[in-house]
N, C-alpha and C. Protein backbone atom coordinates (compact mmCIF):
# COMPACT_ATOMS: atom_id res chain seq x y z
N MET A 1 0.84 -1.16 0.00
CA MET A 1 0.00 0.01 0.01
C MET A 1 0.89 1.23 0.00
N GLN A 2 0.54 2.22 -0.76
CA GLN A 2 1.29 3.46 -0.83
C GLN A 2 0.63 4.56 -0.08
N ALA A 3 1.40 5.46 0.41
CA ALA A 3 0.91 6.66 1.09
C ALA A 3 1.79 7.87 0.69
N GLN A 4 1.38 9.06 0.97
CA GLN A 4 2.11 10.21 0.58
C GLN A 4 2.52 11.02 1.83
N LEU A 5 3.80 11.47 1.85
CA LEU A 5 4.23 12.28 2.99
C LEU A 5 3.69 13.67 2.86
N ALA A 6 3.45 14.28 4.00
CA ALA A 6 2.99 15.64 4.07
C ALA A 6 3.83 16.44 5.04
N LYS A 7 3.95 17.70 4.86
CA LYS A 7 4.72 18.54 5.79
C LYS A 7 3.88 18.80 7.04
N TRP A 8 4.49 18.64 8.19
CA TRP A 8 3.83 18.79 9.46
C TRP A 8 4.78 19.64 10.37
N GLY A 9 4.64 20.93 10.38
CA GLY A 9 5.59 21.78 11.07
C GLY A 9 6.94 21.66 10.43
N ASN A 10 7.98 21.36 11.16
CA ASN A 10 9.33 21.16 10.66
C ASN A 10 9.59 19.68 10.28
N SER A 11 8.55 18.84 10.38
CA SER A 11 8.70 17.43 10.19
C SER A 11 7.89 16.95 9.01
N LEU A 12 7.94 15.70 8.72
CA LEU A 12 7.09 15.07 7.72
C LEU A 12 6.19 14.11 8.43
N GLY A 13 4.96 13.97 7.93
CA GLY A 13 3.99 13.05 8.48
C GLY A 13 3.47 12.16 7.44
N VAL A 14 3.02 10.97 7.86
CA VAL A 14 2.39 9.98 6.96
C VAL A 14 1.21 9.38 7.71
N ARG A 15 0.11 9.17 7.03
CA ARG A 15 -1.05 8.53 7.61
C ARG A 15 -0.88 7.03 7.46
N ILE A 16 -1.20 6.31 8.54
CA ILE A 16 -1.14 4.86 8.50
C ILE A 16 -2.54 4.36 8.20
N PRO A 17 -2.73 3.67 7.12
CA PRO A 17 -4.06 3.16 6.79
C PRO A 17 -4.63 2.29 7.94
N ARG A 18 -5.94 2.34 8.10
CA ARG A 18 -6.61 1.71 9.18
C ARG A 18 -6.29 0.22 9.25
N ASP A 19 -6.32 -0.51 8.10
CA ASP A 19 -6.05 -1.94 8.11
C ASP A 19 -4.68 -2.25 8.60
N ILE A 20 -3.69 -1.49 8.16
CA ILE A 20 -2.29 -1.74 8.58
C ILE A 20 -2.17 -1.42 10.08
N ALA A 21 -2.79 -0.32 10.54
CA ALA A 21 -2.71 0.02 11.95
C ALA A 21 -3.36 -1.14 12.82
N ARG A 22 -4.50 -1.61 12.36
CA ARG A 22 -5.20 -2.67 13.07
C ARG A 22 -4.32 -3.93 13.15
N ARG A 23 -3.72 -4.30 12.04
CA ARG A 23 -2.89 -5.53 12.02
C ARG A 23 -1.65 -5.37 12.88
N ALA A 24 -1.16 -4.13 13.04
CA ALA A 24 0.02 -3.88 13.87
C ALA A 24 -0.32 -3.62 15.32
N GLY A 25 -1.61 -3.55 15.61
CA GLY A 25 -2.05 -3.29 16.99
C GLY A 25 -1.91 -1.84 17.40
N LEU A 26 -1.96 -0.91 16.44
CA LEU A 26 -1.81 0.50 16.75
C LEU A 26 -3.16 1.14 16.84
N THR A 27 -3.32 2.01 17.88
CA THR A 27 -4.57 2.75 18.05
C THR A 27 -4.15 4.20 18.30
N PRO A 28 -5.09 5.15 18.18
CA PRO A 28 -4.78 6.56 18.47
C PRO A 28 -4.19 6.67 19.89
N GLY A 29 -3.07 7.38 20.01
CA GLY A 29 -2.41 7.58 21.26
C GLY A 29 -1.35 6.57 21.62
N THR A 30 -1.22 5.52 20.75
CA THR A 30 -0.16 4.51 21.02
C THR A 30 1.22 5.14 20.90
N ALA A 31 2.10 4.95 21.88
CA ALA A 31 3.46 5.41 21.75
C ALA A 31 4.21 4.45 20.83
N VAL A 32 5.02 4.99 19.94
CA VAL A 32 5.78 4.18 18.98
C VAL A 32 7.26 4.56 18.96
N GLU A 33 8.09 3.66 18.59
CA GLU A 33 9.48 3.92 18.39
C GLU A 33 9.69 4.02 16.83
N ILE A 34 10.43 5.00 16.38
CA ILE A 34 10.69 5.19 14.98
C ILE A 34 12.17 5.18 14.76
N GLU A 35 12.64 4.36 13.85
CA GLU A 35 14.08 4.30 13.55
C GLU A 35 14.30 4.03 12.10
N ALA A 36 15.45 4.46 11.61
CA ALA A 36 15.83 4.24 10.23
C ALA A 36 16.83 3.06 10.19
N GLU A 37 16.53 2.15 9.31
CA GLU A 37 17.46 1.02 9.04
C GLU A 37 17.80 1.09 7.54
N GLY A 38 18.95 1.71 7.30
CA GLY A 38 19.29 1.92 5.90
C GLY A 38 18.31 2.89 5.28
N ARG A 39 17.66 2.50 4.18
CA ARG A 39 16.68 3.32 3.54
C ARG A 39 15.23 2.99 3.98
N ARG A 40 15.12 2.16 5.00
CA ARG A 40 13.81 1.76 5.49
C ARG A 40 13.49 2.55 6.80
N ILE A 41 12.22 2.81 7.01
CA ILE A 41 11.72 3.43 8.29
C ILE A 41 10.96 2.35 8.95
N VAL A 42 11.31 2.06 10.22
CA VAL A 42 10.68 1.01 10.94
C VAL A 42 9.91 1.68 12.12
N ILE A 43 8.63 1.39 12.26
CA ILE A 43 7.78 1.95 13.31
C ILE A 43 7.27 0.78 14.10
N THR A 44 7.54 0.75 15.41
CA THR A 44 7.10 -0.35 16.28
C THR A 44 6.48 0.22 17.54
N PRO A 45 5.47 -0.45 18.10
CA PRO A 45 4.87 0.01 19.36
C PRO A 45 5.97 0.05 20.43
N SER A 46 5.90 1.15 21.19
CA SER A 46 6.91 1.32 22.26
C SER A 46 6.65 0.28 23.41
N LEU A 47 7.69 -0.25 23.91
CA LEU A 47 7.59 -1.24 25.01
C LEU A 47 7.80 -0.54 26.36
N LYS A 48 8.04 0.79 26.32
CA LYS A 48 8.26 1.51 27.55
C LYS A 48 6.94 1.61 28.28
N GLN A 49 6.97 1.28 29.55
CA GLN A 49 5.81 1.33 30.37
C GLN A 49 5.61 2.71 30.98
N VAL A 50 4.39 3.20 30.98
CA VAL A 50 4.08 4.49 31.60
C VAL A 50 3.45 4.25 32.93
N PHE A 51 4.00 4.92 33.95
CA PHE A 51 3.50 4.75 35.29
C PHE A 51 2.76 6.01 35.80
N ALA A 52 1.79 5.81 36.61
CA ALA A 52 1.10 6.95 37.26
C ALA A 52 1.82 7.18 38.59
N LEU A 53 1.90 8.44 38.97
CA LEU A 53 2.59 8.73 40.22
C LEU A 53 1.96 8.08 41.41
N SER A 54 0.61 7.95 41.41
CA SER A 54 -0.04 7.29 42.53
C SER A 54 0.37 5.82 42.62
N ASP A 55 0.63 5.16 41.49
CA ASP A 55 1.08 3.76 41.49
C ASP A 55 2.49 3.68 42.04
N LEU A 56 3.33 4.61 41.65
CA LEU A 56 4.75 4.58 42.10
C LEU A 56 4.86 4.88 43.59
N LEU A 57 3.94 5.64 44.18
CA LEU A 57 4.02 5.97 45.57
C LEU A 57 3.13 5.13 46.45
N ALA A 58 2.46 4.14 45.85
CA ALA A 58 1.58 3.31 46.66
C ALA A 58 2.42 2.57 47.75
N GLY A 59 1.89 2.66 48.99
CA GLY A 59 2.58 1.98 50.07
C GLY A 59 3.68 2.75 50.72
N MET A 60 4.01 3.92 50.20
CA MET A 60 5.08 4.72 50.82
C MET A 60 4.56 5.42 52.06
N THR A 61 5.37 5.39 53.10
CA THR A 61 5.00 6.02 54.38
C THR A 61 6.07 7.04 54.72
N PRO A 62 5.79 7.99 55.62
CA PRO A 62 6.86 8.93 56.03
C PRO A 62 8.07 8.17 56.61
N GLU A 63 7.82 7.06 57.29
CA GLU A 63 8.97 6.31 57.88
C GLU A 63 9.86 5.71 56.77
N ALA A 64 9.24 5.20 55.71
CA ALA A 64 9.99 4.62 54.61
C ALA A 64 10.74 5.75 53.85
N MET A 65 10.16 6.89 53.72
CA MET A 65 10.80 7.99 53.03
C MET A 65 12.02 8.49 53.84
N HIS A 66 11.91 8.47 55.20
CA HIS A 66 13.04 8.93 56.00
C HIS A 66 14.24 8.07 55.76
N ASP A 67 14.06 6.74 55.63
CA ASP A 67 15.18 5.86 55.37
C ASP A 67 15.78 6.09 54.01
N ALA A 68 14.98 6.54 53.07
CA ALA A 68 15.47 6.75 51.69
C ALA A 68 16.35 7.98 51.63
N PHE A 69 16.13 8.97 52.53
CA PHE A 69 16.90 10.23 52.49
C PHE A 69 17.57 10.50 53.83
N ASP A 70 18.36 9.61 54.32
CA ASP A 70 19.04 9.82 55.55
C ASP A 70 20.39 10.47 55.31
N TRP A 71 20.50 11.76 55.71
CA TRP A 71 21.77 12.48 55.52
C TRP A 71 22.52 12.67 56.82
N GLY A 72 22.22 11.80 57.80
CA GLY A 72 22.95 11.90 59.07
C GLY A 72 22.07 12.59 60.12
N PRO A 73 22.66 12.81 61.28
CA PRO A 73 21.90 13.36 62.40
C PRO A 73 21.53 14.83 62.05
N ASP A 74 20.41 15.29 62.65
CA ASP A 74 19.95 16.69 62.49
C ASP A 74 21.02 17.60 63.04
N GLN A 75 21.20 18.78 62.44
CA GLN A 75 22.22 19.72 62.91
C GLN A 75 21.67 20.95 63.56
N GLY A 76 20.36 21.20 63.34
CA GLY A 76 19.81 22.43 63.90
C GLY A 76 18.32 22.37 63.98
N ARG A 77 17.65 23.40 63.42
CA ARG A 77 16.18 23.48 63.55
C ARG A 77 15.42 22.59 62.61
N GLU A 78 16.12 21.82 61.77
CA GLU A 78 15.34 20.92 60.85
C GLU A 78 14.76 19.71 61.53
N ASN A 79 15.02 19.50 62.81
CA ASN A 79 14.45 18.37 63.54
C ASN A 79 12.96 18.65 63.76
N VAL A 80 12.11 17.90 63.03
CA VAL A 80 10.67 18.03 63.14
C VAL A 80 10.06 16.76 63.70
N GLU A 81 9.29 16.87 64.73
CA GLU A 81 8.68 15.63 65.29
C GLU A 81 7.24 15.77 65.42
């Protein structure tokens, strides 16, 4: 199947036909990796996982955070209890 490149800002854009996108598992908003291999352009779904901050901080407590950032004994007024 052929497509035509179009100017998109300072870049070039190409539309991916619906059937090809479906067969590749691509949907609107899918993150992709784009690389050049010789004269070929390869587009693959990104394997990088996106995390929500709430998921990353699940189970964190002030006590656990204190152990993560222990810079030694308090020196002055920073001692908060």
